[in-house]
Amino acid sequence: MLPETILAHYTDAMKIQPVLKNGLVGALGAMLASYAGAQCVEVQGDPTEGGLIWAKVPPGSSVQLDDQDLDVLPNRYVVAAFHRDAPASSLLRIGDDCEYRLSVAQREYRIQRVEGVPQQTVTPPKEQLERIRRERELVAAAKAQLVERPDWLMQIDGAFVWPVQGRISGVYGSQRVYNGTPGSPHYGVDIAVPKGTPIYAPAAGLVTLAEPDLFYSGGTVILDHGYGLSSSFLHMSEVSARVGDELQPGDLIGAVGATGRATGPHLDWRMSWRDRRVDPQRLVPPMPVLTKTSTAQ
């Protein structure tokens, strides 16, 4: 079953209001009664900016989130996510007779100033603009692939693990000001560890991009977990995985570095569901507290 283990991480964050079209409102987590021959379902997960939700739907159901069609897995689960700046309310439709009005928890994000970044990566020279455009198209194409591997998504079962362990130096949603110039919001979690630290797959997936030197993100790998959910690993000093590799949790991806727009060695781990950015920290247990001895091993 997909949801049970992950659900434990999100109990405090859940704000779900299941609604039937005839006006009945159920309690959080309740299984709604059937209406006009269709059965409403239990929506679970993390209806928060950067969070994931999921539900098991009746056979043959069509499902939409805010008019966006969702893929129904063979085990009848659907998975969806909310972006960093998602509206406070979202509508999930299951078939013709069931709707859930979701209250999406809003988050506050911190502003971080970063000095010493190479100025050409803050304001790239004109001769680099075409390269940047090509690389963005390359990344978009890698994320646009629909990898239909429900066994991977079901295998996850809340068991995402940290790709590296170390000090968290940057968090999802924060906005960075590079050398005084406001940048785009940060969509990943940064883990500061020494250059060369091995990076391991946090869950099963297919490698859809493996590039050693992108302009902004340097050594970059994208690992598709299936049905639009993917992880990206940035600023790597070594890229070991290759496009087409099918990885299992704990398989080697590469090594931590400081390539691209980075001021020091760290891993920038990002996640996306379709075009929505997901907060990786909401899918893993708290970072283990590392001692000097464990860090050296």
C-alpha atoms as a PDB file:
ATOM      1  CA  MET A   1       0.000   0.000   0.000  1.00  0.00           C
ATOM      2  CA  LEU A   2       1.306   3.435  -0.884  1.00  0.00           C
ATOM      3  CA  PRO A   3       0.072   5.795   1.810  1.00  0.00           C
ATOM      4  CA  GLU A   4       0.353   4.392   5.325  1.00  0.00           C
ATOM      5  CA  THR A   5       4.020   5.065   6.112  1.00  0.00           C
ATOM      6  CA  ILE A   6       4.160   8.480   4.480  1.00  0.00           C
ATOM      7  CA  LEU A   7       0.959   9.453   6.275  1.00  0.00           C
ATOM      8  CA  ALA A   8       2.727   9.353   9.622  1.00  0.00           C
ATOM      9  CA  HIS A   9       4.891  12.311   8.581  1.00  0.00           C
ATOM     10  CA  TYR A  10       1.902  14.476   7.673  1.00  0.00           C
ATOM     11  CA  THR A  11      -0.740  13.974  10.349  1.00  0.00           C
ATOM     12  CA  ASP A  12      -0.328  17.464  11.789  1.00  0.00           C
ATOM     13  CA  ALA A  13      -0.411  19.137   8.386  1.00  0.00           C
ATOM     14  CA  MET A  14      -3.573  17.589   6.998  1.00  0.00           C
ATOM     15  CA  LYS A  15      -6.488  19.934   6.288  1.00  0.00           C
ATOM     16  CA  ILE A  16      -8.941  18.113   4.039  1.00  0.00           C
ATOM     17  CA  GLN A  17     -12.647  18.788   3.596  1.00  0.00           C
ATOM     18  CA  PRO A  18     -14.391  16.037   1.592  1.00  0.00           C
ATOM     19  CA  VAL A  19     -17.546  17.320  -0.088  1.00  0.00           C
ATOM     20  CA  LEU A  20     -20.311  15.580  -2.045  1.00  0.00           C
ATOM     21  CA  LYS A  21     -22.229  17.430  -4.719  1.00  0.00           C
ATOM     22  CA  ASN A  22     -25.414  17.000  -2.713  1.00  0.00           C
ATOM     23  CA  GLY A  23     -23.837  19.164   0.006  1.00  0.00           C
ATOM     24  CA  LEU A  24     -22.839  16.570   2.613  1.00  0.00           C
ATOM     25  CA  VAL A  25     -19.549  17.297   4.378  1.00  0.00           C
ATOM     26  CA  GLY A  26     -17.561  14.479   6.004  1.00  0.00           C
ATOM     27  CA  ALA A  27     -14.884  14.521   8.689  1.00  0.00           C
ATOM     28  CA  LEU A  28     -11.196  14.474   7.872  1.00  0.00           C
ATOM     29  CA  GLY A  29     -10.077  11.036   6.773  1.00  0.00           C
ATOM     30  CA  ALA A  30     -13.613   9.629   6.698  1.00  0.00           C
ATOM     31  CA  MET A  31     -14.748   7.315   3.936  1.00  0.00           C
ATOM     32  CA  LEU A  32     -17.692   9.001   2.274  1.00  0.00           C
ATOM     33  CA  ALA A  33     -20.852   7.137   1.360  1.00  0.00           C
ATOM     34  CA  SER A  34     -21.738   6.376  -2.226  1.00  0.00           C
ATOM     35  CA  TYR A  35     -23.798   8.925  -4.101  1.00  0.00           C
ATOM     36  CA  ALA A  36     -25.622   8.355  -7.402  1.00  0.00           C
ATOM     37  CA  GLY A  37     -23.796   5.050  -7.821  1.00  0.00           C
ATOM     38  CA  ALA A  38     -20.281   6.463  -7.299  1.00  0.00           C
ATOM     39  CA  GLN A  39     -18.231   6.163  -4.121  1.00  0.00           C
ATOM     40  CA  CYS A  40     -16.224   9.019  -2.714  1.00  0.00           C
ATOM     41  CA  VAL A  41     -12.801   8.149  -1.389  1.00  0.00           C
ATOM     42  CA  GLU A  42     -10.407   8.869   1.434  1.00  0.00           C
ATOM     43  CA  VAL A  43      -7.877  11.517   0.465  1.00  0.00           C
ATOM     44  CA  GLN A  44      -4.614  11.280   2.378  1.00  0.00           C
ATOM     45  CA  GLY A  45      -1.274  13.045   2.452  1.00  0.00           C
ATOM     46  CA  ASP A  46       0.015  16.556   2.804  1.00  0.00           C
ATOM     47  CA  PRO A  47      -2.194  19.310   1.322  1.00  0.00           C
ATOM     48  CA  THR A  48       0.486  21.935   1.859  1.00  0.00           C
ATOM     49  CA  GLU A  49       2.521  24.100  -0.479  1.00  0.00           C
ATOM     50  CA  GLY A  50       5.216  21.702  -1.692  1.00  0.00           C
ATOM     51  CA  GLY A  51       3.330  18.635  -0.427  1.00  0.00           C
ATOM     52  CA  LEU A  52       1.845  15.475  -1.983  1.00  0.00           C
ATOM     53  CA  ILE A  53      -1.631  13.972  -1.694  1.00  0.00           C
ATOM     54  CA  TRP A  54      -2.952  10.591  -2.812  1.00  0.00           C
ATOM     55  CA  ALA A  55      -6.171   8.604  -2.865  1.00  0.00           C
ATOM     56  CA  LYS A  56      -7.441   5.201  -3.934  1.00  0.00           C
ATOM     57  CA  VAL A  57     -10.337   5.646  -6.342  1.00  0.00           C
ATOM     58  CA  PRO A  58     -13.123   3.315  -7.500  1.00  0.00           C
ATOM     59  CA  PRO A  59     -12.481   1.240 -10.644  1.00  0.00           C
ATOM     60  CA  GLY A  60     -12.858   3.157 -13.884  1.00  0.00           C
ATOM     61  CA  SER A  61     -12.781   6.579 -12.222  1.00  0.00           C
ATOM     62  CA  SER A  62     -11.595   9.693 -13.983  1.00  0.00           C
ATOM     63  CA  VAL A  63      -9.846  12.099 -11.617  1.00  0.00           C
ATOM     64  CA  GLN A  64      -9.010  15.788 -11.900  1.00  0.00           C
ATOM     65  CA  LEU A  65      -7.242  18.266  -9.644  1.00  0.00           C
ATOM     66  CA  ASP A  66      -8.294  21.819 -10.529  1.00  0.00           C
ATOM     67  CA  ASP A  67      -9.243  20.663 -14.052  1.00  0.00           C
ATOM     68  CA  GLN A  68      -5.903  18.855 -14.557  1.00  0.00           C
ATOM     69  CA  ASP A  69      -6.371  15.177 -15.409  1.00  0.00           C
ATOM     70  CA  LEU A  70      -4.544  12.786 -13.067  1.00  0.00           C
ATOM     71  CA  ASP A  71      -3.074   9.404 -13.983  1.00  0.00           C
ATOM     72  CA  VAL A  72      -4.762   6.477 -12.234  1.00  0.00           C
ATOM     73  CA  LEU A  73      -2.242   3.762 -11.348  1.00  0.00           C
ATOM     74  CA  PRO A  74      -3.110   0.070 -11.846  1.00  0.00           C
ATOM     75  CA  ASN A  75      -3.673  -0.228  -8.088  1.00  0.00           C
ATOM     76  CA  ARG A  76      -6.224   2.617  -8.474  1.00  0.00           C
ATOM     77  CA  TYR A  77      -4.158   5.215  -6.616  1.00  0.00           C
ATOM     78  CA  VAL A  78      -3.746   8.761  -7.850  1.00  0.00           C
ATOM     79  CA  VAL A  79      -0.925  11.056  -6.749  1.00  0.00           C
ATOM     80  CA  ALA A  80      -0.787  14.842  -7.024  1.00  0.00           C
ATOM     81  CA  ALA A  81       1.197  17.735  -5.580  1.00  0.00           C
ATOM     82  CA  PHE A  82       0.992  21.429  -4.755  1.00  0.00           C
ATOM     83  CA  HIS A  83       3.476  24.075  -5.894  1.00  0.00           C
ATOM     84  CA  ARG A  84       5.342  26.533  -3.668  1.00  0.00           C
ATOM     85  CA  ASP A  85       2.745  29.259  -4.244  1.00  0.00           C
ATOM     86  CA  ALA A  86      -0.370  27.104  -4.518  1.00  0.00           C
ATOM     87  CA  PRO A  87      -3.721  28.797  -3.833  1.00  0.00           C
ATOM     88  CA  ALA A  88      -5.294  28.227  -0.436  1.00  0.00           C
ATOM     89  CA  SER A  89      -8.080  26.120  -1.931  1.00  0.00           C
ATOM     90  CA  SER A  90      -8.015  23.325  -4.500  1.00  0.00           C
ATOM     91  CA  LEU A  91     -10.712  21.083  -5.979  1.00  0.00           C
ATOM     92  CA  LEU A  92     -10.305  17.330  -6.504  1.00  0.00           C
ATOM     93  CA  ARG A  93     -12.958  15.647  -8.673  1.00  0.00           C
ATOM     94  CA  ILE A  94     -13.486  11.873  -8.731  1.00  0.00           C
ATOM     95  CA  GLY A  95     -15.869  10.839 -11.491  1.00  0.00           C
ATOM     96  CA  ASP A  96     -19.037  12.862 -11.999  1.00  0.00           C
ATOM     97  CA  ASP A  97     -20.477  12.769  -8.501  1.00  0.00           C
ATOM     98  CA  CYS A  98     -17.714  13.322  -5.977  1.00  0.00           C
ATOM     99  CA  GLU A  99     -15.662  16.401  -5.175  1.00  0.00           C
ATOM    100  CA  TYR A 100     -13.159  17.231  -2.455  1.00  0.00           C
ATOM    101  CA  ARG A 101     -12.498  20.830  -1.552  1.00  0.00           C
ATOM    102  CA  LEU A 102      -8.934  20.834  -0.207  1.00  0.00           C
ATOM    103  CA  SER A 103      -7.644  23.521   2.129  1.00  0.00           C
ATOM    104  CA  VAL A 104      -3.991  23.925   1.126  1.00  0.00           C
ATOM    105  CA  ALA A 105      -1.819  25.068   4.040  1.00  0.00           C
ATOM    106  CA  GLN A 106       0.182  28.184   3.190  1.00  0.00           C
ATOM    107  CA  ARG A 107       3.834  28.479   4.239  1.00  0.00           C
ATOM    108  CA  GLU A 108       6.189  31.324   5.051  1.00  0.00           C
ATOM    109  CA  TYR A 109       9.550  31.329   3.292  1.00  0.00           C
ATOM    110  CA  ARG A 110      12.791  32.905   4.340  1.00  0.00           C
ATOM    111  CA  ILE A 111      15.019  35.225   2.328  1.00  0.00           C
ATOM    112  CA  GLN A 112      18.703  34.263   2.148  1.00  0.00           C
ATOM    113  CA  ARG A 113      21.547  36.448   0.884  1.00  0.00           C
ATOM    114  CA  VAL A 114      24.401  34.692  -0.901  1.00  0.00           C
ATOM    115  CA  GLU A 115      27.564  36.605  -1.735  1.00  0.00           C
ATOM    116  CA  GLY A 116      30.599  35.526  -3.689  1.00  0.00           C
ATOM    117  CA  VAL A 117      28.743  33.767  -6.501  1.00  0.00           C
ATOM    118  CA  PRO A 118      30.516  34.191  -9.874  1.00  0.00           C
ATOM    119  CA  GLN A 119      28.849  37.241 -11.380  1.00  0.00           C
ATOM    120  CA  GLN A 120      28.551  35.612 -14.804  1.00  0.00           C
ATOM    121  CA  THR A 121      26.137  33.060 -13.320  1.00  0.00           C
ATOM    122  CA  VAL A 122      24.035  35.790 -11.664  1.00  0.00           C
ATOM    123  CA  THR A 123      23.869  37.889 -14.824  1.00  0.00           C
ATOM    124  CA  PRO A 124      25.014  35.505 -17.548  1.00  0.00           C
ATOM    125  CA  PRO A 125      26.866  36.986 -20.518  1.00  0.00           C
ATOM    126  CA  LYS A 126      24.948  37.215 -23.782  1.00  0.00           C
ATOM    127  CA  GLU A 127      27.069  34.523 -25.385  1.00  0.00           C
ATOM    128  CA  GLN A 128      25.770  32.044 -22.778  1.00  0.00           C
ATOM    129  CA  LEU A 129      22.058  32.742 -23.307  1.00  0.00           C
ATOM    130  CA  GLU A 130      21.679  30.245 -26.145  1.00  0.00           C
ATOM    131  CA  ARG A 131      23.398  27.568 -24.062  1.00  0.00           C
ATOM    132  CA  ILE A 132      21.089  28.282 -21.134  1.00  0.00           C
ATOM    133  CA  ARG A 133      18.038  28.045 -23.411  1.00  0.00           C
ATOM    134  CA  ARG A 134      19.162  24.691 -24.831  1.00  0.00           C
ATOM    135  CA  GLU A 135      19.843  23.290 -21.375  1.00  0.00           C
ATOM    136  CA  ARG A 136      16.418  24.358 -20.104  1.00  0.00           C
ATOM    137  CA  GLU A 137      14.815  22.554 -23.030  1.00  0.00           C
ATOM    138  CA  LEU A 138      16.922  19.474 -22.262  1.00  0.00           C
ATOM    139  CA  VAL A 139      15.795  19.434 -18.626  1.00  0.00           C
ATOM    140  CA  ALA A 140      12.154  20.058 -19.587  1.00  0.00           C
ATOM    141  CA  ALA A 141      12.224  17.155 -22.053  1.00  0.00           C
ATOM    142  CA  ALA A 142      13.681  14.830 -19.407  1.00  0.00           C
ATOM    143  CA  LYS A 143      10.936  15.744 -16.936  1.00  0.00           C
ATOM    144  CA  ALA A 144       8.183  15.519 -19.566  1.00  0.00           C
ATOM    145  CA  GLN A 145       8.667  11.788 -20.094  1.00  0.00           C
ATOM    146  CA  LEU A 146       5.860   9.629 -18.724  1.00  0.00           C
ATOM    147  CA  VAL A 147       7.515   6.657 -17.066  1.00  0.00           C
ATOM    148  CA  GLU A 148       4.715   4.203 -16.347  1.00  0.00           C
ATOM    149  CA  ARG A 149       6.246   2.162 -13.546  1.00  0.00           C
ATOM    150  CA  PRO A 150       3.602   1.836 -10.831  1.00  0.00           C
ATOM    151  CA  ASP A 151       5.743  -0.773  -9.076  1.00  0.00           C
ATOM    152  CA  TRP A 152       8.295   1.963  -8.350  1.00  0.00           C
ATOM    153  CA  LEU A 153       5.725   4.380  -6.998  1.00  0.00           C
ATOM    154  CA  MET A 154       4.083   1.648  -4.913  1.00  0.00           C
ATOM    155  CA  GLN A 155       7.476   0.378  -3.746  1.00  0.00           C
ATOM    156  CA  ILE A 156       8.255   3.790  -2.274  1.00  0.00           C
ATOM    157  CA  ASP A 157       5.658   3.215   0.480  1.00  0.00           C
ATOM    158  CA  GLY A 158       6.957   6.213   2.390  1.00  0.00           C
ATOM    159  CA  ALA A 159      10.488   4.880   2.251  1.00  0.00           C
ATOM    160  CA  PHE A 160      12.286   7.804   0.613  1.00  0.00           C
ATOM    161  CA  VAL A 161      15.755   8.068   2.134  1.00  0.00           C
ATOM    162  CA  TRP A 162      18.259  10.903   2.172  1.00  0.00           C
ATOM    163  CA  PRO A 163      20.613  10.691  -0.853  1.00  0.00           C
ATOM    164  CA  VAL A 164      23.379  12.020   1.400  1.00  0.00           C
ATOM    165  CA  GLN A 165      23.492  12.765   5.119  1.00  0.00           C
ATOM    166  CA  GLY A 166      24.886  16.008   6.473  1.00  0.00           C
ATOM    167  CA  ARG A 167      24.078  19.553   7.532  1.00  0.00           C
ATOM    168  CA  ILE A 168      21.025  21.095   5.872  1.00  0.00           C
ATOM    169  CA  SER A 169      22.218  24.444   4.534  1.00  0.00           C
ATOM    170  CA  GLY A 170      19.250  25.471   2.390  1.00  0.00           C
ATOM    171  CA  VAL A 171      15.538  24.712   2.415  1.00  0.00           C
ATOM    172  CA  TYR A 172      12.674  24.560  -0.050  1.00  0.00           C
ATOM    173  CA  GLY A 173      10.838  27.754  -0.877  1.00  0.00           C
ATOM    174  CA  SER A 174      13.435  30.209   0.349  1.00  0.00           C
ATOM    175  CA  GLN A 175      14.398  33.006  -2.000  1.00  0.00           C
ATOM    176  CA  ARG A 176      18.032  33.822  -2.501  1.00  0.00           C
ATOM    177  CA  VAL A 177      19.569  37.185  -3.276  1.00  0.00           C
ATOM    178  CA  TYR A 178      22.769  36.535  -5.247  1.00  0.00           C
ATOM    179  CA  ASN A 179      25.315  39.338  -4.947  1.00  0.00           C
ATOM    180  CA  GLY A 180      22.433  41.725  -4.278  1.00  0.00           C
ATOM    181  CA  THR A 181      20.285  40.467  -7.191  1.00  0.00           C
ATOM    182  CA  PRO A 182      17.036  38.635  -6.246  1.00  0.00           C
ATOM    183  CA  GLY A 183      16.943  35.158  -7.741  1.00  0.00           C
ATOM    184  CA  SER A 184      14.186  32.637  -8.283  1.00  0.00           C
ATOM    185  CA  PRO A 185      12.859  30.802  -5.216  1.00  0.00           C
ATOM    186  CA  HIS A 186      14.919  27.798  -4.167  1.00  0.00           C
ATOM    187  CA  TYR A 187      13.036  24.609  -4.933  1.00  0.00           C
ATOM    188  CA  GLY A 188      15.286  22.070  -3.250  1.00  0.00           C
ATOM    189  CA  VAL A 189      16.955  21.099  -0.015  1.00  0.00           C
ATOM    190  CA  ASP A 190      20.711  21.690   0.215  1.00  0.00           C
ATOM    191  CA  ILE A 191      22.925  19.291   2.162  1.00  0.00           C
ATOM    192  CA  ALA A 192      26.438  20.590   2.845  1.00  0.00           C
ATOM    193  CA  VAL A 193      28.951  17.735   2.719  1.00  0.00           C
ATOM    194  CA  PRO A 194      32.530  17.450   1.413  1.00  0.00           C
ATOM    195  CA  LYS A 195      33.279  17.236  -2.285  1.00  0.00           C
ATOM    196  CA  GLY A 196      33.317  13.629  -3.445  1.00  0.00           C
ATOM    197  CA  THR A 197      30.713  12.391  -0.947  1.00  0.00           C
ATOM    198  CA  PRO A 198      28.725   9.598  -2.674  1.00  0.00           C
ATOM    199  CA  ILE A 199      25.134  10.372  -3.680  1.00  0.00           C
ATOM    200  CA  TYR A 200      22.667   7.485  -3.576  1.00  0.00           C
ATOM    201  CA  ALA A 201      19.203   7.043  -5.085  1.00  0.00           C
ATOM    202  CA  PRO A 202      16.527   8.006  -2.513  1.00  0.00           C
ATOM    203  CA  ALA A 203      14.002   5.700  -4.199  1.00  0.00           C
ATOM    204  CA  ALA A 204      13.626   3.569  -7.318  1.00  0.00           C
ATOM    205  CA  GLY A 205      13.570   5.306 -10.676  1.00  0.00           C
ATOM    206  CA  LEU A 206      14.730   5.677 -14.267  1.00  0.00           C
ATOM    207  CA  VAL A 207      17.579   8.062 -15.108  1.00  0.00           C
ATOM    208  CA  THR A 208      16.217  10.442 -17.759  1.00  0.00           C
ATOM    209  CA  LEU A 209      19.048  12.993 -17.688  1.00  0.00           C
ATOM    210  CA  ALA A 210      22.728  12.741 -16.761  1.00  0.00           C
ATOM    211  CA  GLU A 211      24.798  15.808 -17.658  1.00  0.00           C
ATOM    212  CA  PRO A 212      28.252  16.643 -16.267  1.00  0.00           C
ATOM    213  CA  ASP A 213      28.248  20.420 -16.812  1.00  0.00           C
ATOM    214  CA  LEU A 214      25.046  22.456 -17.088  1.00  0.00           C
ATOM    215  CA  PHE A 215      25.461  26.221 -16.803  1.00  0.00           C
ATOM    216  CA  TYR A 216      23.449  26.773 -13.619  1.00  0.00           C
ATOM    217  CA  SER A 217      23.314  23.327 -11.995  1.00  0.00           C
ATOM    218  CA  GLY A 218      26.659  21.844 -13.070  1.00  0.00           C
ATOM    219  CA  GLY A 219      26.697  18.044 -12.870  1.00  0.00           C
ATOM    220  CA  THR A 220      23.015  17.102 -12.937  1.00  0.00           C
ATOM    221  CA  VAL A 221      20.997  13.877 -12.812  1.00  0.00           C
ATOM    222  CA  ILE A 222      17.209  13.483 -13.056  1.00  0.00           C
ATOM    223  CA  LEU A 223      15.676  10.294 -11.645  1.00  0.00           C
ATOM    224  CA  ASP A 224      12.051   9.636 -12.651  1.00  0.00           C
ATOM    225  CA  HIS A 225      10.069   7.734 -10.000  1.00  0.00           C
ATOM    226  CA  GLY A 226       7.073   7.227 -12.286  1.00  0.00           C
ATOM    227  CA  TYR A 227       3.898   9.049 -13.294  1.00  0.00           C
ATOM    228  CA  GLY A 228       5.397  12.530 -13.208  1.00  0.00           C
ATOM    229  CA  LEU A 229       7.244  12.325  -9.863  1.00  0.00           C
ATOM    230  CA  SER A 230      10.993  12.903 -10.224  1.00  0.00           C
ATOM    231  CA  SER A 231      14.124  13.840  -8.281  1.00  0.00           C
ATOM    232  CA  SER A 232      16.927  16.103  -9.514  1.00  0.00           C
ATOM    233  CA  PHE A 233      20.461  16.148  -8.113  1.00  0.00           C
ATOM    234  CA  LEU A 234      22.516  19.287  -8.795  1.00  0.00           C
ATOM    235  CA  HIS A 235      26.099  20.607  -8.556  1.00  0.00           C
ATOM    236  CA  MET A 236      27.668  17.134  -8.723  1.00  0.00           C
ATOM    237  CA  SER A 237      31.420  16.718  -9.180  1.00  0.00           C
ATOM    238  CA  GLU A 238      30.996  13.258 -10.723  1.00  0.00           C
ATOM    239  CA  VAL A 239      28.046  11.756 -12.603  1.00  0.00           C
ATOM    240  CA  SER A 240      28.065   7.968 -12.331  1.00  0.00           C
ATOM    241  CA  ALA A 241      24.521   7.197 -13.499  1.00  0.00           C
ATOM    242  CA  ARG A 242      23.686   7.087 -17.198  1.00  0.00           C
ATOM    243  CA  VAL A 243      20.485   7.834 -19.091  1.00  0.00           C
ATOM    244  CA  GLY A 244      18.394   4.670 -19.202  1.00  0.00           C
ATOM    245  CA  ASP A 245      19.732   3.228 -15.943  1.00  0.00           C
ATOM    246  CA  GLU A 246      17.049   1.747 -13.704  1.00  0.00           C
ATOM    247  CA  LEU A 247      18.115   2.436 -10.126  1.00  0.00           C
ATOM    248  CA  GLN A 248      16.965   0.984  -6.844  1.00  0.00           C
ATOM    249  CA  PRO A 249      17.144   2.780  -3.473  1.00  0.00           C
ATOM    250  CA  GLY A 250      20.774   3.067  -2.431  1.00  0.00           C
ATOM    251  CA  ASP A 251      22.264   2.735  -5.924  1.00  0.00           C
ATOM    252  CA  LEU A 252      25.109   5.150  -6.670  1.00  0.00           C
ATOM    253  CA  ILE A 253      24.213   8.277  -8.656  1.00  0.00           C
ATOM    254  CA  GLY A 254      27.449  10.252  -8.421  1.00  0.00           C
ATOM    255  CA  ALA A 255      29.399  12.489  -6.058  1.00  0.00           C
ATOM    256  CA  VAL A 256      28.830  15.835  -4.360  1.00  0.00           C
ATOM    257  CA  GLY A 257      30.533  18.867  -5.865  1.00  0.00           C
ATOM    258  CA  ALA A 258      30.345  22.636  -6.306  1.00  0.00           C
ATOM    259  CA  THR A 259      29.756  22.853 -10.052  1.00  0.00           C
ATOM    260  CA  GLY A 260      27.485  25.370 -11.755  1.00  0.00           C
ATOM    261  CA  ARG A 261      26.134  28.193  -9.590  1.00  0.00           C
ATOM    262  CA  ALA A 262      27.477  27.100  -6.208  1.00  0.00           C
ATOM    263  CA  THR A 263      29.747  28.692  -3.619  1.00  0.00           C
ATOM    264  CA  GLY A 264      30.826  25.453  -1.954  1.00  0.00           C
ATOM    265  CA  PRO A 265      30.344  21.690  -2.084  1.00  0.00           C
ATOM    266  CA  HIS A 266      26.807  20.555  -1.385  1.00  0.00           C
ATOM    267  CA  LEU A 267      23.975  18.508  -2.880  1.00  0.00           C
ATOM    268  CA  ASP A 268      20.902  20.387  -4.063  1.00  0.00           C
ATOM    269  CA  TRP A 269      18.131  17.749  -4.095  1.00  0.00           C
ATOM    270  CA  ARG A 270      14.928  18.795  -5.820  1.00  0.00           C
ATOM    271  CA  MET A 271      11.666  17.034  -6.581  1.00  0.00           C
ATOM    272  CA  SER A 272       8.874  17.700  -9.040  1.00  0.00           C
ATOM    273  CA  TRP A 273       5.471  16.322  -9.823  1.00  0.00           C
ATOM    274  CA  ARG A 274       4.791  17.303 -13.418  1.00  0.00           C
ATOM    275  CA  ASP A 275       5.472  21.063 -13.453  1.00  0.00           C
ATOM    276  CA  ARG A 276       4.937  21.493  -9.702  1.00  0.00           C
ATOM    277  CA  ARG A 277       7.908  21.636  -7.356  1.00  0.00           C
ATOM    278  CA  VAL A 278       7.739  19.310  -4.354  1.00  0.00           C
ATOM    279  CA  ASP A 279       9.581  19.762  -1.051  1.00  0.00           C
ATOM    280  CA  PRO A 280      11.829  16.676  -0.633  1.00  0.00           C
ATOM    281  CA  GLN A 281      12.007  17.158   3.147  1.00  0.00           C
ATOM    282  CA  ARG A 282       8.329  16.309   3.415  1.00  0.00           C
ATOM    283  CA  LEU A 283       9.002  12.810   2.053  1.00  0.00           C
ATOM    284  CA  VAL A 284      11.886  11.754   4.296  1.00  0.00           C
ATOM    285  CA  PRO A 285      12.360  11.289   8.043  1.00  0.00           C
ATOM    286  CA  PRO A 286      14.329  13.960   9.919  1.00  0.00           C
ATOM    287  CA  MET A 287      17.991  14.177   8.998  1.00  0.00           C
ATOM    288  CA  PRO A 288      19.994  11.924  11.358  1.00  0.00           C
ATOM    289  CA  VAL A 289      22.222  13.734  13.824  1.00  0.00           C
ATOM    290  CA  LEU A 290      25.757  12.941  12.709  1.00  0.00           C
ATOM    291  CA  THR A 291      28.670  12.705  15.102  1.00  0.00           C
ATOM    292  CA  LYS A 292      32.237  13.487  14.091  1.00  0.00           C
ATOM    293  CA  THR A 293      32.944   9.753  14.065  1.00  0.00           C
ATOM    294  CA  SER A 294      30.009   8.908  11.787  1.00  0.00           C
ATOM    295  CA  THR A 295      30.855  11.819   9.488  1.00  0.00           C
ATOM    296  CA  ALA A 296      34.392  10.535   9.064  1.00  0.00           C
ATOM    297  CA  GLN A 297      33.281   7.006   8.156  1.00  0.00           C
END
